[in-house]
């Protein structure tokens, strides 16, 4: 029974983390930069 509770806790933590990332717009990230996602660039734009 303890293994099942640990798996459920891990799944809840992972699900919450994924949901929070999606809420903020930081979904799938690319290796080029943290702000590069499959939806486009996330974050403030720097002035030129």
PDB file of N, CA and C in Angstrom:
ATOM      1  N   UNK A   1       0.817  -1.199   0.000  1.00  0.00           N
ATOM      2  CA  UNK A   1       0.000   0.000   0.000  1.00  0.00           C
ATOM      3  C   UNK A   1       0.862   1.265   0.000  1.00  0.00           C
ATOM      4  N   UNK A   2       2.021   1.226   0.638  1.00  0.00           N
ATOM      5  CA  UNK A   2       2.881   2.404   0.698  1.00  0.00           C
ATOM      6  C   UNK A   2       3.429   2.773  -0.677  1.00  0.00           C
ATOM      7  N   UNK A   3       3.699   1.761  -1.507  1.00  0.00           N
ATOM      8  CA  UNK A   3       4.213   2.028  -2.847  1.00  0.00           C
ATOM      9  C   UNK A   3       3.168   2.754  -3.681  1.00  0.00           C
ATOM     10  N   UNK A   4       1.929   2.352  -3.520  1.00  0.00           N
ATOM     11  CA  UNK A   4       0.844   2.981  -4.278  1.00  0.00           C
ATOM     12  C   UNK A   4       0.677   4.447  -3.864  1.00  0.00           C
ATOM     13  N   UNK A   5       0.758   4.713  -2.574  1.00  0.00           N
ATOM     14  CA  UNK A   5       0.637   6.089  -2.087  1.00  0.00           C
ATOM     15  C   UNK A   5       1.795   6.947  -2.603  1.00  0.00           C
ATOM     16  N   UNK A   6       2.993   6.379  -2.634  1.00  0.00           N
ATOM     17  CA  UNK A   6       4.150   7.116  -3.139  1.00  0.00           C
ATOM     18  C   UNK A   6       3.997   7.415  -4.629  1.00  0.00           C
ATOM     19  N   UNK A   7       3.490   6.459  -5.396  1.00  0.00           N
ATOM     20  CA  UNK A   7       3.265   6.682  -6.821  1.00  0.00           C
ATOM     21  C   UNK A   7       2.210   7.754  -7.051  1.00  0.00           C
ATOM     22  N   UNK A   8       1.143   7.727  -6.278  1.00  0.00           N
ATOM     23  CA  UNK A   8       0.095   8.736  -6.412  1.00  0.00           C
ATOM     24  C   UNK A   8       0.612  10.123  -6.036  1.00  0.00           C
ATOM     25  N   UNK A   9       1.419  10.203  -4.999  1.00  0.00           N
ATOM     26  CA  UNK A   9       2.000  11.481  -4.602  1.00  0.00           C
ATOM     27  C   UNK A   9       2.923  12.014  -5.697  1.00  0.00           C
ATOM     28  N   UNK A  10       3.752  11.145  -6.240  1.00  0.00           N
ATOM     29  CA  UNK A  10       4.646  11.549  -7.325  1.00  0.00           C
ATOM     30  C   UNK A  10       3.878  12.014  -8.556  1.00  0.00           C
ATOM     31  N   UNK A  11       2.804  11.303  -8.887  1.00  0.00           N
ATOM     32  CA  UNK A  11       1.980  11.689 -10.036  1.00  0.00           C
ATOM     33  C   UNK A  11       1.301  13.034  -9.791  1.00  0.00           C
ATOM     34  N   UNK A  12       0.841  13.277  -8.569  1.00  0.00           N
ATOM     35  CA  UNK A  12       0.195  14.551  -8.243  1.00  0.00           C
ATOM     36  C   UNK A  12       1.188  15.709  -8.318  1.00  0.00           C
ATOM     37  N   UNK A  13       2.399  15.496  -7.825  1.00  0.00           N
ATOM     38  CA  UNK A  13       3.421  16.546  -7.879  1.00  0.00           C
ATOM     39  C   UNK A  13       3.797  16.840  -9.324  1.00  0.00           C
ATOM     40  N   UNK A  14       4.007  15.796 -10.100  1.00  0.00           N
ATOM     41  CA  UNK A  14       4.372  15.993 -11.505  1.00  0.00           C
ATOM     42  C   UNK A  14       3.244  16.671 -12.277  1.00  0.00           C
ATOM     43  N   UNK A  15       2.011  16.238 -12.034  1.00  0.00           N
ATOM     44  CA  UNK A  15       0.863  16.855 -12.701  1.00  0.00           C
ATOM     45  C   UNK A  15       0.715  18.326 -12.339  1.00  0.00           C
ATOM     46  N   UNK A  16       0.935  18.647 -11.070  1.00  0.00           N
ATOM     47  CA  UNK A  16       0.869  20.041 -10.647  1.00  0.00           C
ATOM     48  C   UNK A  16       1.955  20.885 -11.288  1.00  0.00           C
ATOM     49  N   UNK A  17       3.146  20.332 -11.400  1.00  0.00           N
ATOM     50  CA  UNK A  17       4.265  21.044 -12.020  1.00  0.00           C
ATOM     51  C   UNK A  17       3.976  21.312 -13.491  1.00  0.00           C
ATOM     52  N   UNK A  18       3.481  20.313 -14.190  1.00  0.00           N
ATOM     53  CA  UNK A  18       3.157  20.474 -15.611  1.00  0.00           C
ATOM     54  C   UNK A  18       2.036  21.498 -15.783  1.00  0.00           C
ATOM     55  N   UNK A  19       1.013  21.416 -14.939  1.00  0.00           N
ATOM     56  CA  UNK A  19      -0.096  22.365 -15.020  1.00  0.00           C
ATOM     57  C   UNK A  19       0.346  23.793 -14.760  1.00  0.00           C
ATOM     58  N   UNK A  20       1.226  23.983 -13.779  1.00  0.00           N
ATOM     59  CA  UNK A  20       1.720  25.324 -13.461  1.00  0.00           C
ATOM     60  C   UNK A  20       2.557  25.874 -14.612  1.00  0.00           C
ATOM     61  N   UNK A  21       3.411  25.032 -15.212  1.00  0.00           N
ATOM     62  CA  UNK A  21       4.200  25.457 -16.367  1.00  0.00           C
ATOM     63  C   UNK A  21       3.293  25.888 -17.511  1.00  0.00           C
ATOM     64  N   UNK A  22       2.263  25.124 -17.774  1.00  0.00           N
ATOM     65  CA  UNK A  22       1.341  25.457 -18.859  1.00  0.00           C
ATOM     66  C   UNK A  22       0.580  26.743 -18.567  1.00  0.00           C
ATOM     67  N   UNK A  23       0.216  26.944 -17.305  1.00  0.00           N
ATOM     68  CA  UNK A  23      -0.502  28.151 -16.924  1.00  0.00           C
ATOM     69  C   UNK A  23       0.356  29.395 -17.193  1.00  0.00           C
ATOM     70  N   UNK A  24       1.658  29.301 -16.951  1.00  0.00           N
ATOM     71  CA  UNK A  24       2.560  30.426 -17.167  1.00  0.00           C
ATOM     72  C   UNK A  24       3.050  30.529 -18.609  1.00  0.00           C
ATOM     73  N   UNK A  25       2.773  29.513 -19.422  1.00  0.00           N
ATOM     74  CA  UNK A  25       3.183  29.542 -20.820  1.00  0.00           C
ATOM     75  C   UNK A  25       4.537  28.929 -21.092  1.00  0.00           C
ATOM     76  N   UNK A  26       5.150  28.299 -20.092  1.00  0.00           N
ATOM     77  CA  UNK A  26       6.458  27.666 -20.269  1.00  0.00           C
ATOM     78  C   UNK A  26       6.273  26.172 -20.497  1.00  0.00           C
ATOM     79  N   UNK A  27       5.815  25.792 -21.667  1.00  0.00           N
ATOM     80  CA  UNK A  27       5.553  24.373 -21.895  1.00  0.00           C
ATOM     81  C   UNK A  27       6.824  23.650 -22.316  1.00  0.00           C
ATOM     82  N   UNK A  28       6.883  23.117 -23.491  1.00  0.00           N
ATOM     83  CA  UNK A  28       8.057  22.374 -23.941  1.00  0.00           C
ATOM     84  C   UNK A  28       9.180  23.346 -24.262  1.00  0.00           C
ATOM     85  N   UNK A  29      10.336  23.114 -23.674  1.00  0.00           N
ATOM     86  CA  UNK A  29      11.462  24.031 -23.839  1.00  0.00           C
ATOM     87  C   UNK A  29      12.490  23.463 -24.817  1.00  0.00           C
ATOM     88  N   UNK A  30      13.152  24.356 -25.526  1.00  0.00           N
ATOM     89  CA  UNK A  30      14.228  23.966 -26.420  1.00  0.00           C
ATOM     90  C   UNK A  30      15.570  24.197 -25.741  1.00  0.00           C
ATOM     91  N   UNK A  31      16.602  23.571 -26.239  1.00  0.00           N
ATOM     92  CA  UNK A  31      17.935  23.673 -25.639  1.00  0.00           C
ATOM     93  C   UNK A  31      18.588  25.029 -25.884  1.00  0.00           C
ATOM     94  N   UNK A  32      18.074  25.819 -26.813  1.00  0.00           N
ATOM     95  CA  UNK A  32      18.696  27.106 -27.138  1.00  0.00           C
ATOM     96  C   UNK A  32      18.599  28.097 -25.988  1.00  0.00           C
ATOM     97  N   UNK A  33      17.450  28.151 -25.316  1.00  0.00           N
ATOM     98  CA  UNK A  33      17.260  29.062 -24.179  1.00  0.00           C
ATOM     99  C   UNK A  33      16.027  28.619 -23.408  1.00  0.00           C
ATOM    100  N   UNK A  34      15.959  28.993 -22.127  1.00  0.00           N
ATOM    101  CA  UNK A  34      14.823  28.601 -21.295  1.00  0.00           C
ATOM    102  C   UNK A  34      13.521  29.181 -21.833  1.00  0.00           C
ATOM    103  N   UNK A  35      13.571  30.373 -22.399  1.00  0.00           N
ATOM    104  CA  UNK A  35      12.367  31.041 -22.888  1.00  0.00           C
ATOM    105  C   UNK A  35      11.913  30.578 -24.258  1.00  0.00           C
ATOM    106  N   UNK A  36      12.685  29.737 -24.936  1.00  0.00           N
ATOM    107  CA  UNK A  36      12.287  29.210 -26.246  1.00  0.00           C
ATOM    108  C   UNK A  36      11.411  27.987 -26.048  1.00  0.00           C
ATOM    109  N   UNK A  37      10.130  28.122 -26.382  1.00  0.00           N
ATOM    110  CA  UNK A  37       9.195  27.009 -26.248  1.00  0.00           C
ATOM    111  C   UNK A  37       8.614  26.668 -27.610  1.00  0.00           C
ATOM    112  N   UNK A  38       7.854  25.589 -27.673  1.00  0.00           N
ATOM    113  CA  UNK A  38       7.235  25.203 -28.934  1.00  0.00           C
ATOM    114  C   UNK A  38       6.146  26.192 -29.345  1.00  0.00           C
ATOM    115  N   UNK A  39       5.736  27.079 -28.436  1.00  0.00           N
ATOM    116  CA  UNK A  39       4.735  28.094 -28.759  1.00  0.00           C
ATOM    117  C   UNK A  39       5.369  29.414 -29.187  1.00  0.00           C
ATOM    118  N   UNK A  40       6.675  29.525 -29.062  1.00  0.00           N
ATOM    119  CA  UNK A  40       7.378  30.761 -29.400  1.00  0.00           C
ATOM    120  C   UNK A  40       8.209  31.231 -28.226  1.00  0.00           C
ATOM    121  N   UNK A  41       8.742  32.431 -28.332  1.00  0.00           N
ATOM    122  CA  UNK A  41       9.605  33.010 -27.296  1.00  0.00           C
ATOM    123  C   UNK A  41       8.749  33.526 -26.149  1.00  0.00           C
ATOM    124  N   UNK A  42       9.134  33.206 -24.926  1.00  0.00           N
ATOM    125  CA  UNK A  42       8.422  33.638 -23.731  1.00  0.00           C
ATOM    126  C   UNK A  42       9.318  34.588 -22.954  1.00  0.00           C
ATOM    127  N   UNK A  43       8.730  35.626 -22.411  1.00  0.00           N
ATOM    128  CA  UNK A  43       9.494  36.571 -21.599  1.00  0.00           C
ATOM    129  C   UNK A  43       9.492  37.955 -22.202  1.00  0.00           C
ATOM    130  N   UNK A  44      10.072  38.889 -21.475  1.00  0.00           N
ATOM    131  CA  UNK A  44      10.101  40.272 -21.951  1.00  0.00           C
ATOM    132  C   UNK A  44      11.123  40.423 -23.066  1.00  0.00           C
ATOM    133  N   UNK A  45      10.803  41.306 -23.983  1.00  0.00           N
ATOM    134  CA  UNK A  45      11.719  41.579 -25.088  1.00  0.00           C
ATOM    135  C   UNK A  45      12.676  42.674 -24.659  1.00  0.00           C
ATOM    136  N   UNK A  46      13.938  42.522 -25.004  1.00  0.00           N
ATOM    137  CA  UNK A  46      14.949  43.526 -24.659  1.00  0.00           C
ATOM    138  C   UNK A  46      14.914  44.664 -25.673  1.00  0.00           C
ATOM    139  N   UNK A  47      15.142  45.860 -25.187  1.00  0.00           N
ATOM    140  CA  UNK A  47      15.193  47.027 -26.072  1.00  0.00           C
ATOM    141  C   UNK A  47      16.482  46.998 -26.887  1.00  0.00           C
ATOM    142  N   UNK A  48      16.371  47.382 -28.153  1.00  0.00           N
ATOM    143  CA  UNK A  48      17.550  47.364 -29.028  1.00  0.00           C
ATOM    144  C   UNK A  48      18.396  48.592 -28.859  1.00  0.00           C
TER     145      UNK A  48
END
